[in-house]
């Protein structure tokens, strides 16, 4: 199994994609090693969820994608998220969601078309590793599926053994 530093080194051989390392390692030597290995930012635990999005925006500005930093309203497949007002609308009808459900939906919509694992969701939302028996993410996804139910298609697909995928224009569960 690769550690984060080795994974970063391998990624840097193939890509210049911006990388923020979220880690429990707090020693200065670890921070230096990560930055030297190619990390663009390094956030040791413990950090607030509110801190992550501004750091992502700053990184996108530095990477030359300022238009992505301003996105606060997303629309796709009849779904509309207004992150500033913390509102969700589906087919022009308001949808009552909890704060964590909105955060999950935000992450899935931003990664539209790509599967997001339970581990990734847990790391971003709870700043910890997922455990095999923890099912809170699955429960929140289940609630979102019911709240966003549509006759046309499912907006969130479960990809068995992989995670969840926001798909504004597809139909069946895989």
N, C-alpha and C. Protein backbone atom coordinates (compact mmCIF):
# COMPACT_ATOMS: atom_id res chain seq x y z
N UNK A 1 0.84 -1.18 0.00
CA UNK A 1 0.00 0.00 0.00
C UNK A 1 0.89 1.24 0.00
N UNK A 2 0.56 2.21 -0.85
CA UNK A 2 1.33 3.44 -0.95
C UNK A 2 0.96 4.41 0.16
N UNK A 3 1.95 5.14 0.66
CA UNK A 3 1.61 6.22 1.58
C UNK A 3 1.37 7.47 0.73
N UNK A 4 0.88 8.52 1.36
CA UNK A 4 0.53 9.74 0.65
C UNK A 4 1.69 10.39 -0.07
N UNK A 5 2.87 10.35 0.53
CA UNK A 5 4.05 10.97 -0.07
C UNK A 5 4.45 10.25 -1.36
N UNK A 6 4.45 8.92 -1.32
CA UNK A 6 4.82 8.15 -2.51
C UNK A 6 3.77 8.32 -3.60
N UNK A 7 2.50 8.32 -3.22
CA UNK A 7 1.42 8.54 -4.19
C UNK A 7 1.59 9.90 -4.86
N UNK A 8 1.91 10.91 -4.07
CA UNK A 8 2.12 12.25 -4.61
C UNK A 8 3.30 12.27 -5.58
N UNK A 9 4.40 11.60 -5.23
CA UNK A 9 5.56 11.54 -6.12
C UNK A 9 5.19 10.90 -7.46
N UNK A 10 4.41 9.82 -7.41
CA UNK A 10 4.01 9.15 -8.64
C UNK A 10 3.05 10.02 -9.45
N UNK A 11 2.15 10.71 -8.77
CA UNK A 11 1.22 11.60 -9.46
C UNK A 11 1.97 12.73 -10.17
N UNK A 12 2.97 13.27 -9.52
CA UNK A 12 3.74 14.37 -10.09
C UNK A 12 4.52 13.96 -11.33
N UNK A 13 4.82 12.69 -11.48
CA UNK A 13 5.51 12.22 -12.68
C UNK A 13 4.59 12.30 -13.89
N UNK A 14 3.26 12.27 -13.65
CA UNK A 14 2.29 12.23 -14.74
C UNK A 14 1.44 13.47 -14.89
N UNK A 15 1.34 14.29 -13.81
CA UNK A 15 0.36 15.38 -13.84
C UNK A 15 0.80 16.57 -12.99
N UNK A 16 0.33 17.74 -13.39
CA UNK A 16 0.58 18.96 -12.62
C UNK A 16 -0.69 19.41 -11.90
N UNK A 17 -1.66 18.50 -11.78
CA UNK A 17 -2.93 18.84 -11.13
C UNK A 17 -2.66 19.36 -9.71
N UNK A 18 -3.36 20.40 -9.28
CA UNK A 18 -3.16 20.91 -7.92
C UNK A 18 -3.52 19.86 -6.87
N UNK A 19 -2.70 19.79 -5.81
CA UNK A 19 -2.90 18.80 -4.75
C UNK A 19 -2.86 19.48 -3.39
N UNK A 20 -3.89 19.22 -2.59
CA UNK A 20 -3.91 19.63 -1.19
C UNK A 20 -3.84 18.35 -0.38
N UNK A 21 -2.86 18.27 0.50
CA UNK A 21 -2.75 17.09 1.37
C UNK A 21 -3.47 17.37 2.68
N UNK A 22 -4.41 16.50 3.04
CA UNK A 22 -5.12 16.56 4.31
C UNK A 22 -4.60 15.38 5.12
N UNK A 23 -3.99 15.65 6.26
CA UNK A 23 -3.29 14.57 6.94
C UNK A 23 -3.25 14.74 8.45
N UNK A 24 -3.01 13.64 9.13
CA UNK A 24 -2.85 13.67 10.58
C UNK A 24 -1.41 13.96 10.96
N UNK A 25 -0.51 13.93 9.99
CA UNK A 25 0.91 14.19 10.27
C UNK A 25 1.12 15.68 10.46
N UNK A 26 1.58 16.06 11.65
CA UNK A 26 1.67 17.49 12.00
C UNK A 26 3.09 18.01 12.14
N UNK A 27 4.07 17.13 12.02
CA UNK A 27 5.46 17.56 12.18
C UNK A 27 5.90 18.46 11.02
N UNK A 28 6.75 19.42 11.34
CA UNK A 28 7.25 20.33 10.32
C UNK A 28 7.99 19.55 9.22
N UNK A 29 8.71 18.52 9.59
CA UNK A 29 9.45 17.72 8.59
C UNK A 29 8.49 17.07 7.60
N UNK A 30 7.30 16.65 8.06
CA UNK A 30 6.30 16.07 7.15
C UNK A 30 5.77 17.12 6.18
N UNK A 31 5.53 18.32 6.69
CA UNK A 31 5.05 19.41 5.82
C UNK A 31 6.08 19.73 4.75
N UNK A 32 7.33 19.82 5.15
CA UNK A 32 8.40 20.12 4.21
C UNK A 32 8.51 19.01 3.17
N UNK A 33 8.46 17.76 3.61
CA UNK A 33 8.55 16.61 2.69
C UNK A 33 7.41 16.64 1.69
N UNK A 34 6.20 16.94 2.14
CA UNK A 34 5.03 16.98 1.25
C UNK A 34 5.17 18.09 0.22
N UNK A 35 5.55 19.26 0.67
CA UNK A 35 5.72 20.39 -0.26
C UNK A 35 6.85 20.12 -1.23
N UNK A 36 7.94 19.54 -0.76
CA UNK A 36 9.06 19.18 -1.64
C UNK A 36 8.68 18.09 -2.64
N UNK A 37 7.75 17.22 -2.23
CA UNK A 37 7.30 16.14 -3.12
C UNK A 37 6.31 16.63 -4.17
N UNK A 38 5.84 17.89 -4.02
CA UNK A 38 4.96 18.45 -5.03
C UNK A 38 3.58 18.87 -4.57
N UNK A 39 3.28 18.78 -3.27
CA UNK A 39 1.97 19.24 -2.78
C UNK A 39 1.90 20.76 -2.93
N UNK A 40 0.72 21.25 -3.27
CA UNK A 40 0.51 22.69 -3.39
C UNK A 40 0.10 23.30 -2.06
N UNK A 41 -0.49 22.49 -1.20
CA UNK A 41 -0.90 22.95 0.12
C UNK A 41 -0.90 21.74 1.03
N UNK A 42 -0.81 21.99 2.33
CA UNK A 42 -0.72 20.92 3.32
C UNK A 42 -1.56 21.34 4.51
N UNK A 43 -2.58 20.56 4.83
CA UNK A 43 -3.47 20.91 5.94
C UNK A 43 -3.43 19.77 6.96
N UNK A 44 -2.78 20.00 8.10
CA UNK A 44 -2.76 18.96 9.13
C UNK A 44 -4.05 18.98 9.94
N UNK A 45 -4.42 17.83 10.50
CA UNK A 45 -5.56 17.78 11.41
C UNK A 45 -5.19 18.53 12.66
N UNK A 46 -6.05 19.15 13.30
CA UNK A 46 -7.45 19.27 13.02
C UNK A 46 -7.71 20.60 12.34
N UNK A 47 -8.64 20.57 11.42
CA UNK A 47 -8.99 21.76 10.66
C UNK A 47 -10.50 21.79 10.53
N UNK A 48 -11.03 22.98 10.29
CA UNK A 48 -12.47 23.13 10.14
C UNK A 48 -12.88 22.90 8.70
N UNK A 49 -14.07 22.34 8.50
CA UNK A 49 -14.60 22.15 7.15
C UNK A 49 -14.64 23.45 6.38
N UNK A 50 -14.89 24.55 7.10
CA UNK A 50 -15.01 25.86 6.46
C UNK A 50 -13.69 26.29 5.82
N UNK A 51 -12.59 25.72 6.27
CA UNK A 51 -11.26 26.10 5.79
C UNK A 51 -10.94 25.49 4.43
N UNK A 52 -11.54 24.37 4.11
CA UNK A 52 -11.17 23.63 2.90
C UNK A 52 -11.56 24.39 1.63
N UNK A 53 -12.81 24.85 1.53
CA UNK A 53 -13.26 25.49 0.30
C UNK A 53 -12.46 26.75 -0.03
N UNK A 54 -12.18 27.65 0.92
CA UNK A 54 -11.34 28.81 0.57
C UNK A 54 -9.94 28.40 0.09
N UNK A 55 -9.38 27.34 0.65
CA UNK A 55 -8.06 26.87 0.20
C UNK A 55 -8.15 26.33 -1.23
N UNK A 56 -9.24 25.63 -1.55
CA UNK A 56 -9.43 25.14 -2.91
C UNK A 56 -9.57 26.31 -3.87
N UNK A 57 -10.37 27.31 -3.49
CA UNK A 57 -10.52 28.50 -4.34
C UNK A 57 -9.18 29.18 -4.58
N UNK A 58 -8.39 29.34 -3.52
CA UNK A 58 -7.08 29.97 -3.65
C UNK A 58 -6.19 29.16 -4.60
N UNK A 59 -6.23 27.84 -4.48
CA UNK A 59 -5.42 27.00 -5.34
C UNK A 59 -5.88 27.12 -6.79
N UNK A 60 -7.18 27.16 -7.01
CA UNK A 60 -7.69 27.32 -8.38
C UNK A 60 -7.29 28.67 -8.96
N UNK A 61 -7.30 29.72 -8.14
CA UNK A 61 -6.84 31.03 -8.62
C UNK A 61 -5.39 30.94 -9.06
N UNK A 62 -4.55 30.32 -8.23
CA UNK A 62 -3.13 30.19 -8.57
C UNK A 62 -2.93 29.32 -9.81
N UNK A 63 -3.82 28.35 -10.01
CA UNK A 63 -3.70 27.45 -11.15
C UNK A 63 -4.28 28.06 -12.42
N UNK A 64 -4.83 29.28 -12.32
CA UNK A 64 -5.36 29.95 -13.49
C UNK A 64 -6.79 29.62 -13.82
N UNK A 65 -7.58 29.18 -12.84
CA UNK A 65 -8.99 28.86 -13.07
C UNK A 65 -9.89 29.70 -12.16
N UNK A 66 -9.78 31.04 -12.21
CA UNK A 66 -10.55 31.86 -11.29
C UNK A 66 -12.06 31.73 -11.47
N UNK A 67 -12.52 31.39 -12.70
CA UNK A 67 -13.96 31.27 -12.91
C UNK A 67 -14.54 30.13 -12.07
N UNK A 68 -13.77 29.09 -11.81
CA UNK A 68 -14.26 27.99 -10.98
C UNK A 68 -14.40 28.40 -9.52
N UNK A 69 -13.61 29.40 -9.10
CA UNK A 69 -13.64 29.84 -7.71
C UNK A 69 -14.93 30.57 -7.36
N UNK A 70 -15.59 31.12 -8.36
CA UNK A 70 -16.77 31.94 -8.13
C UNK A 70 -18.06 31.14 -8.14
N UNK A 71 -17.98 29.89 -8.56
CA UNK A 71 -19.19 29.09 -8.69
C UNK A 71 -19.84 28.85 -7.33
N UNK A 72 -21.03 29.38 -7.18
CA UNK A 72 -21.80 29.17 -5.96
C UNK A 72 -23.18 28.63 -6.28
N UNK A 73 -23.54 28.63 -7.57
CA UNK A 73 -24.82 28.08 -8.00
C UNK A 73 -24.54 27.05 -9.08
N UNK A 74 -25.04 25.84 -8.86
CA UNK A 74 -24.86 24.76 -9.82
C UNK A 74 -26.23 24.33 -10.32
N UNK A 75 -26.33 24.10 -11.63
CA UNK A 75 -27.57 23.61 -12.22
C UNK A 75 -27.24 22.46 -13.15
N UNK A 76 -27.92 21.34 -12.95
CA UNK A 76 -27.71 20.18 -13.81
C UNK A 76 -28.86 19.20 -13.62
N UNK A 77 -29.37 18.69 -14.73
CA UNK A 77 -30.39 17.65 -14.68
C UNK A 77 -31.62 18.02 -13.88
N UNK A 78 -32.03 19.30 -13.92
CA UNK A 78 -33.20 19.74 -13.16
C UNK A 78 -32.89 20.08 -11.71
N UNK A 79 -31.65 19.87 -11.29
CA UNK A 79 -31.24 20.16 -9.92
C UNK A 79 -30.53 21.51 -9.89
N UNK A 80 -30.84 22.29 -8.87
CA UNK A 80 -30.17 23.58 -8.68
C UNK A 80 -29.70 23.69 -7.24
N UNK A 81 -28.41 23.94 -7.06
CA UNK A 81 -27.82 24.16 -5.74
C UNK A 81 -27.39 25.61 -5.65
N UNK A 82 -27.85 26.29 -4.62
CA UNK A 82 -27.36 27.63 -4.33
C UNK A 82 -26.60 27.52 -3.02
N UNK A 83 -25.27 27.51 -3.12
CA UNK A 83 -24.44 27.27 -1.95
C UNK A 83 -24.42 28.46 -1.00
N UNK A 84 -24.55 29.67 -1.53
CA UNK A 84 -24.57 30.84 -0.66
C UNK A 84 -25.81 30.85 0.23
N UNK A 85 -26.95 30.50 -0.36
CA UNK A 85 -28.20 30.48 0.40
C UNK A 85 -28.47 29.12 1.04
N UNK A 86 -27.63 28.13 0.69
CA UNK A 86 -27.77 26.76 1.19
C UNK A 86 -29.16 26.21 0.83
N UNK A 87 -29.51 26.36 -0.45
CA UNK A 87 -30.81 25.90 -0.95
C UNK A 87 -30.62 24.87 -2.05
N UNK A 88 -31.58 23.95 -2.12
CA UNK A 88 -31.61 22.94 -3.19
C UNK A 88 -33.00 22.97 -3.81
N UNK A 89 -33.03 22.96 -5.14
CA UNK A 89 -34.28 22.91 -5.90
C UNK A 89 -34.17 21.75 -6.87
N UNK A 90 -35.24 20.95 -6.98
CA UNK A 90 -35.27 19.87 -7.94
C UNK A 90 -36.52 20.03 -8.78
N UNK A 91 -36.34 20.14 -10.09
CA UNK A 91 -37.46 20.38 -11.01
C UNK A 91 -38.31 21.56 -10.53
N UNK A 92 -37.66 22.66 -10.17
CA UNK A 92 -38.28 23.92 -9.75
C UNK A 92 -39.00 23.85 -8.40
N UNK A 93 -38.86 22.76 -7.69
CA UNK A 93 -39.47 22.64 -6.37
C UNK A 93 -38.38 22.64 -5.30
N UNK A 94 -38.60 23.40 -4.22
CA UNK A 94 -37.57 23.40 -3.16
C UNK A 94 -37.48 22.05 -2.48
N UNK A 95 -36.26 21.68 -2.11
CA UNK A 95 -36.01 20.41 -1.44
C UNK A 95 -35.36 20.72 -0.10
N UNK A 96 -35.97 20.24 0.98
CA UNK A 96 -35.40 20.44 2.31
C UNK A 96 -34.28 19.42 2.53
N UNK A 97 -33.07 19.91 2.73
CA UNK A 97 -31.95 19.02 2.99
C UNK A 97 -31.23 19.49 4.25
N UNK A 98 -30.60 18.56 4.92
CA UNK A 98 -29.79 18.92 6.08
C UNK A 98 -28.48 19.52 5.60
N UNK A 99 -27.74 20.10 6.50
CA UNK A 99 -26.46 20.70 6.16
C UNK A 99 -25.50 19.66 5.59
N UNK A 100 -25.44 18.51 6.20
CA UNK A 100 -24.52 17.46 5.73
C UNK A 100 -24.97 16.92 4.38
N UNK A 101 -26.28 16.82 4.16
CA UNK A 101 -26.78 16.37 2.86
C UNK A 101 -26.40 17.37 1.77
N UNK A 102 -26.49 18.66 2.07
CA UNK A 102 -26.09 19.67 1.10
C UNK A 102 -24.60 19.57 0.81
N UNK A 103 -23.80 19.35 1.83
CA UNK A 103 -22.35 19.21 1.64
C UNK A 103 -22.03 17.99 0.77
N UNK A 104 -22.73 16.89 1.00
CA UNK A 104 -22.52 15.69 0.18
C UNK A 104 -22.92 15.98 -1.26
N UNK A 105 -24.07 16.58 -1.43
CA UNK A 105 -24.56 16.91 -2.77
C UNK A 105 -23.58 17.85 -3.49
N UNK A 106 -23.07 18.83 -2.77
CA UNK A 106 -22.09 19.76 -3.33
C UNK A 106 -20.86 19.00 -3.84
N UNK A 107 -20.33 18.10 -3.03
CA UNK A 107 -19.16 17.32 -3.43
C UNK A 107 -19.45 16.45 -4.65
N UNK A 108 -20.62 15.81 -4.66
CA UNK A 108 -20.97 14.94 -5.78
C UNK A 108 -21.18 15.74 -7.06
N UNK A 109 -21.85 16.89 -6.96
CA UNK A 109 -22.12 17.72 -8.13
C UNK A 109 -20.80 18.25 -8.70
N UNK A 110 -19.90 18.68 -7.85
CA UNK A 110 -18.60 19.20 -8.33
C UNK A 110 -17.79 18.11 -9.03
N UNK A 111 -18.04 16.86 -8.67
CA UNK A 111 -17.32 15.74 -9.30
C UNK A 111 -18.22 15.03 -10.31
N UNK A 112 -19.20 15.73 -10.86
CA UNK A 112 -20.20 15.12 -11.76
C UNK A 112 -19.53 14.23 -12.80
N UNK A 113 -20.06 13.02 -12.92
CA UNK A 113 -19.54 12.07 -13.89
C UNK A 113 -18.41 11.21 -13.36
N UNK A 114 -17.91 11.53 -12.16
CA UNK A 114 -16.84 10.75 -11.54
C UNK A 114 -17.36 10.14 -10.25
N UNK A 115 -17.01 8.90 -10.00
CA UNK A 115 -17.42 8.25 -8.76
C UNK A 115 -16.63 8.83 -7.60
N UNK A 116 -17.32 9.08 -6.49
CA UNK A 116 -16.70 9.57 -5.26
C UNK A 116 -16.92 8.49 -4.21
N UNK A 117 -15.84 8.03 -3.61
CA UNK A 117 -15.95 6.93 -2.66
C UNK A 117 -16.45 7.40 -1.29
N UNK A 118 -16.94 6.44 -0.51
CA UNK A 118 -17.33 6.73 0.88
C UNK A 118 -16.13 7.26 1.65
N UNK A 119 -14.94 6.69 1.38
CA UNK A 119 -13.73 7.15 2.06
C UNK A 119 -13.45 8.61 1.77
N UNK A 120 -13.60 9.02 0.50
CA UNK A 120 -13.36 10.41 0.14
C UNK A 120 -14.39 11.33 0.80
N UNK A 121 -15.65 10.93 0.76
CA UNK A 121 -16.69 11.74 1.39
C UNK A 121 -16.44 11.88 2.90
N UNK A 122 -16.10 10.77 3.54
CA UNK A 122 -15.83 10.79 4.98
C UNK A 122 -14.64 11.69 5.31
N UNK A 123 -13.59 11.59 4.50
CA UNK A 123 -12.38 12.40 4.75
C UNK A 123 -12.70 13.89 4.66
N UNK A 124 -13.46 14.29 3.65
CA UNK A 124 -13.77 15.72 3.48
C UNK A 124 -14.79 16.20 4.51
N UNK A 125 -15.83 15.41 4.73
CA UNK A 125 -16.92 15.86 5.61
C UNK A 125 -16.61 15.74 7.09
N UNK A 126 -15.90 14.69 7.47
CA UNK A 126 -15.67 14.42 8.89
C UNK A 126 -14.19 14.51 9.29
N UNK A 127 -13.31 14.76 8.32
CA UNK A 127 -11.87 14.84 8.56
C UNK A 127 -11.33 13.61 9.28
N UNK A 128 -11.78 12.45 8.85
CA UNK A 128 -11.28 11.20 9.42
C UNK A 128 -11.42 10.10 8.38
N UNK A 129 -10.79 8.98 8.65
CA UNK A 129 -10.90 7.83 7.75
C UNK A 129 -12.23 7.12 7.99
N UNK A 130 -12.76 6.58 6.93
CA UNK A 130 -13.98 5.79 7.04
C UNK A 130 -13.65 4.44 7.67
N UNK A 131 -14.58 3.93 8.43
CA UNK A 131 -14.42 2.59 8.98
C UNK A 131 -15.39 1.66 8.24
N UNK A 132 -15.08 0.38 8.17
CA UNK A 132 -15.92 -0.54 7.40
C UNK A 132 -17.37 -0.60 7.87
N UNK A 133 -17.60 -0.34 9.16
CA UNK A 133 -18.95 -0.48 9.69
C UNK A 133 -19.69 0.84 9.84
N UNK A 134 -19.03 1.97 9.59
CA UNK A 134 -19.68 3.28 9.67
C UNK A 134 -20.57 3.45 8.44
N UNK A 135 -21.80 3.74 8.65
CA UNK A 135 -22.76 3.84 7.56
C UNK A 135 -23.44 5.20 7.47
N UNK A 136 -22.92 6.21 8.15
CA UNK A 136 -23.61 7.51 8.14
C UNK A 136 -23.67 8.10 6.74
N UNK A 137 -22.61 7.96 5.95
CA UNK A 137 -22.62 8.49 4.58
C UNK A 137 -23.72 7.78 3.78
N UNK A 138 -23.81 6.47 3.92
CA UNK A 138 -24.83 5.70 3.19
C UNK A 138 -26.24 6.14 3.58
N UNK A 139 -26.43 6.42 4.86
CA UNK A 139 -27.74 6.87 5.35
C UNK A 139 -28.08 8.23 4.74
N UNK A 140 -27.12 9.16 4.75
CA UNK A 140 -27.36 10.48 4.16
C UNK A 140 -27.64 10.38 2.66
N UNK A 141 -26.91 9.53 1.97
CA UNK A 141 -27.15 9.32 0.54
C UNK A 141 -28.55 8.76 0.32
N UNK A 142 -28.95 7.82 1.15
CA UNK A 142 -30.29 7.23 1.05
C UNK A 142 -31.36 8.31 1.20
N UNK A 143 -31.16 9.21 2.17
CA UNK A 143 -32.12 10.31 2.36
C UNK A 143 -32.14 11.23 1.14
N UNK A 144 -30.95 11.52 0.59
CA UNK A 144 -30.89 12.35 -0.61
C UNK A 144 -31.60 11.70 -1.78
N UNK A 145 -31.41 10.40 -1.94
CA UNK A 145 -32.07 9.68 -3.05
C UNK A 145 -33.58 9.81 -2.96
N UNK A 146 -34.12 9.67 -1.75
CA UNK A 146 -35.56 9.81 -1.56
C UNK A 146 -36.03 11.23 -1.84
N UNK A 147 -35.26 12.20 -1.37
CA UNK A 147 -35.64 13.61 -1.53
C UNK A 147 -35.52 14.08 -2.98
N UNK A 148 -34.63 13.47 -3.74
CA UNK A 148 -34.39 13.90 -5.12
C UNK A 148 -35.02 12.95 -6.13
N UNK A 149 -35.88 12.06 -5.64
CA UNK A 149 -36.53 11.08 -6.49
C UNK A 149 -37.19 11.76 -7.68
N UNK A 150 -36.98 11.18 -8.85
CA UNK A 150 -37.55 11.74 -10.08
C UNK A 150 -38.06 10.60 -10.95
N UNK A 151 -39.08 10.87 -11.72
CA UNK A 151 -39.62 9.85 -12.63
C UNK A 151 -38.65 9.60 -13.79
N UNK A 152 -37.91 10.64 -14.18
CA UNK A 152 -37.05 10.55 -15.36
C UNK A 152 -35.80 9.71 -15.11
N UNK A 153 -35.07 10.04 -14.06
CA UNK A 153 -33.80 9.37 -13.81
C UNK A 153 -33.31 9.66 -12.40
N UNK A 154 -32.40 8.81 -11.95
CA UNK A 154 -31.76 9.02 -10.64
C UNK A 154 -30.60 9.98 -10.83
N UNK A 155 -30.51 11.00 -9.99
CA UNK A 155 -29.41 11.95 -10.07
C UNK A 155 -28.15 11.42 -9.41
N UNK A 156 -28.33 10.58 -8.39
CA UNK A 156 -27.18 9.99 -7.70
C UNK A 156 -27.24 8.48 -7.92
N UNK A 157 -26.16 7.96 -8.48
CA UNK A 157 -26.08 6.53 -8.73
C UNK A 157 -25.13 5.89 -7.72
N UNK A 158 -25.46 4.69 -7.31
CA UNK A 158 -24.57 3.91 -6.47
C UNK A 158 -23.75 3.02 -7.38
N UNK A 159 -22.44 3.18 -7.31
CA UNK A 159 -21.54 2.33 -8.08
C UNK A 159 -20.99 1.31 -7.10
N UNK A 160 -21.51 0.12 -7.16
CA UNK A 160 -21.18 -0.91 -6.17
C UNK A 160 -19.68 -1.15 -6.07
N UNK A 161 -19.21 -1.13 -4.83
CA UNK A 161 -17.79 -1.36 -4.57
C UNK A 161 -16.90 -0.17 -4.85
N UNK A 162 -17.49 0.92 -5.34
CA UNK A 162 -16.70 2.11 -5.69
C UNK A 162 -17.15 3.32 -4.90
N UNK A 163 -18.43 3.69 -5.03
CA UNK A 163 -18.93 4.87 -4.34
C UNK A 163 -20.20 5.40 -4.97
N UNK A 164 -20.28 6.72 -5.05
CA UNK A 164 -21.48 7.37 -5.56
C UNK A 164 -21.10 8.32 -6.69
N UNK A 165 -22.05 8.50 -7.60
CA UNK A 165 -21.79 9.30 -8.78
C UNK A 165 -22.98 10.20 -9.06
N UNK A 166 -22.73 11.50 -9.23
CA UNK A 166 -23.78 12.42 -9.64
C UNK A 166 -23.85 12.36 -11.16
N UNK A 167 -25.03 12.02 -11.67
CA UNK A 167 -25.22 11.86 -13.10
C UNK A 167 -26.50 12.54 -13.52
N UNK A 168 -26.41 13.80 -13.98
CA UNK A 168 -27.61 14.55 -14.30
C UNK A 168 -28.40 14.01 -15.48
N UNK A 169 -27.82 13.12 -16.29
CA UNK A 169 -28.56 12.68 -17.45
C UNK A 169 -28.60 11.18 -17.68
N UNK A 170 -28.50 10.35 -16.63
CA UNK A 170 -28.51 8.91 -16.89
C UNK A 170 -29.70 8.27 -16.20
N UNK A 171 -29.79 6.95 -16.31
CA UNK A 171 -30.98 6.33 -15.84
C UNK A 171 -30.90 5.31 -14.75
N UNK A 172 -30.09 4.31 -14.83
CA UNK A 172 -30.22 3.20 -13.89
C UNK A 172 -29.05 3.08 -12.95
N UNK A 173 -29.27 2.35 -11.88
CA UNK A 173 -28.22 2.07 -10.90
C UNK A 173 -27.30 1.00 -11.46
N UNK A 174 -26.00 1.12 -11.14
CA UNK A 174 -25.04 0.14 -11.67
C UNK A 174 -24.61 -0.81 -10.60
